[in-house]
Protein backbone atom coordinates (compact mmCIF):
# COMPACT_ATOMS: atom_id res chain seq x y z
CA UNK A 1 -33.30 14.43 26.16
CA UNK A 2 -29.91 12.93 25.44
CA UNK A 3 -26.95 15.16 26.23
CA UNK A 4 -24.52 15.67 23.35
CA UNK A 5 -20.96 14.99 24.38
CA UNK A 6 -18.11 16.08 22.10
CA UNK A 7 -15.70 13.44 20.90
CA UNK A 8 -12.48 13.18 22.90
CA UNK A 9 -9.37 14.62 21.27
CA UNK A 10 -7.81 12.36 18.68
CA UNK A 11 -4.83 10.54 20.10
CA UNK A 12 -1.96 9.52 17.87
CA UNK A 13 -2.26 5.94 16.67
CA UNK A 14 1.15 5.18 18.05
CA UNK A 15 3.66 6.81 20.32
CA UNK A 16 6.50 5.20 18.39
CA UNK A 17 8.87 7.56 16.66
CA UNK A 18 9.16 5.48 13.50
CA UNK A 19 5.93 4.46 11.75
CA UNK A 20 5.88 1.78 9.04
CA UNK A 21 4.70 3.04 5.66
CA UNK A 22 1.51 1.32 4.54
CA UNK A 23 2.79 0.81 1.01
CA UNK A 24 5.31 -1.66 2.42
CA UNK A 25 3.00 -4.58 3.16
CA UNK A 26 5.12 -7.06 5.11
CA UNK A 27 5.42 -8.42 8.62
CA UNK A 28 8.78 -6.77 9.28
CA UNK A 29 8.66 -3.26 7.78
CA UNK A 30 11.85 -1.83 6.32
CA UNK A 31 10.46 1.53 5.19
CA UNK A 32 9.57 3.84 8.06
CA UNK A 33 8.49 7.45 8.50
CA UNK A 34 10.07 9.52 11.27
CA UNK A 35 7.02 10.90 13.08
CA UNK A 36 9.23 13.45 14.86
CA UNK A 37 10.81 14.88 11.71
CA UNK A 38 10.40 18.65 11.24
CA UNK A 39 7.03 19.58 9.72
CA UNK A 40 8.60 21.12 6.62
CA UNK A 41 10.55 17.91 5.99
CA UNK A 42 7.40 15.77 6.30
CA UNK A 43 5.55 18.14 3.96
CA UNK A 44 8.35 18.16 1.39
CA UNK A 45 8.63 14.35 1.40
CA UNK A 46 4.85 13.96 1.02
CA UNK A 47 4.55 16.47 -1.81
CA UNK A 48 7.53 14.98 -3.62
CA UNK A 49 5.88 11.54 -3.69
CA UNK A 50 2.44 12.85 -4.61
CA UNK A 51 3.82 15.05 -7.41
CA UNK A 52 5.85 12.14 -8.81
CA UNK A 53 2.74 9.95 -8.95
CA UNK A 54 0.73 12.82 -10.45
CA UNK A 55 3.30 13.32 -13.20
CA UNK A 56 3.23 9.62 -14.01
CA UNK A 57 -0.59 9.64 -14.13
CA UNK A 58 -0.52 12.68 -16.43
CA UNK A 59 1.89 10.85 -18.74
CA UNK A 60 -0.34 7.77 -18.75
CA UNK A 61 -3.40 9.90 -19.51
CA UNK A 62 -1.71 11.22 -22.65
CA UNK A 63 -1.09 7.73 -24.11
CA UNK A 64 -3.76 6.90 -26.69
CA UNK A 65 -3.16 3.16 -27.10
CA UNK A 66 -3.07 2.06 -23.46
CA UNK A 67 -6.45 0.29 -23.51
CA UNK A 68 -4.89 -2.40 -25.72
CA UNK A 69 -2.35 -3.18 -23.00
CA UNK A 70 -4.25 -3.98 -19.76
CA UNK A 71 -1.17 -5.51 -18.06
CA UNK A 72 0.80 -2.33 -18.71
CA UNK A 73 -2.01 -0.24 -17.29
CA UNK A 74 -2.01 -2.40 -14.14
CA UNK A 75 1.76 -1.93 -13.78
CA UNK A 76 1.38 1.83 -14.12
CA UNK A 77 -1.36 1.83 -11.50
CA UNK A 78 0.86 -0.07 -9.06
CA UNK A 79 3.68 2.39 -9.74
CA UNK A 80 1.36 5.21 -8.69
CA UNK A 81 -0.09 3.49 -5.63
CA UNK A 82 3.21 3.19 -3.78
CA UNK A 83 4.25 6.88 -3.73
CA UNK A 84 0.65 8.01 -3.21
CA UNK A 85 0.29 5.80 -0.13
CA UNK A 86 3.65 6.99 1.18
CA UNK A 87 2.62 10.61 0.63
CA UNK A 88 -0.71 10.04 2.38
CA UNK A 89 1.05 8.37 5.33
CA UNK A 90 3.34 11.39 5.65
CA UNK A 91 0.38 13.78 5.39
CA UNK A 92 -1.37 11.81 8.16
CA UNK A 93 1.65 12.27 10.43
CA UNK A 94 1.80 15.94 9.49
CA UNK A 95 -1.92 16.39 10.20
CA UNK A 96 -1.68 14.72 13.62
CA UNK A 97 1.30 16.88 14.50
CA UNK A 98 -0.51 20.07 13.45
CA UNK A 99 -3.67 19.13 15.36
CA UNK A 100 -1.80 18.18 18.53
CA UNK A 101 1.49 20.10 18.62
CA UNK A 102 2.00 19.36 22.33
CA UNK A 103 2.08 15.59 21.74
CA UNK A 104 5.33 15.82 19.80
């Protein structure tokens, strides 16, 4: 019978203080998240970005004639992707910090 071994604790993906945001797809990142920022600051920054994208999506959902403008719909989608990715990146940092408070 094979013995079940628990997974090792999740280690942070990087020990660097500043993590590039994934919405900034370039070889030299200019937008960075401070992985050592206070938890409430990380949470506030993440929720601000996610709420902004949510409000834009709600506005888009209320437009009746958008299907006749596919390019406009694509632009709106891109406008939402950037803050949502940033918010998710910040929530990832927050989650790692909450799971492993001694690593920070």
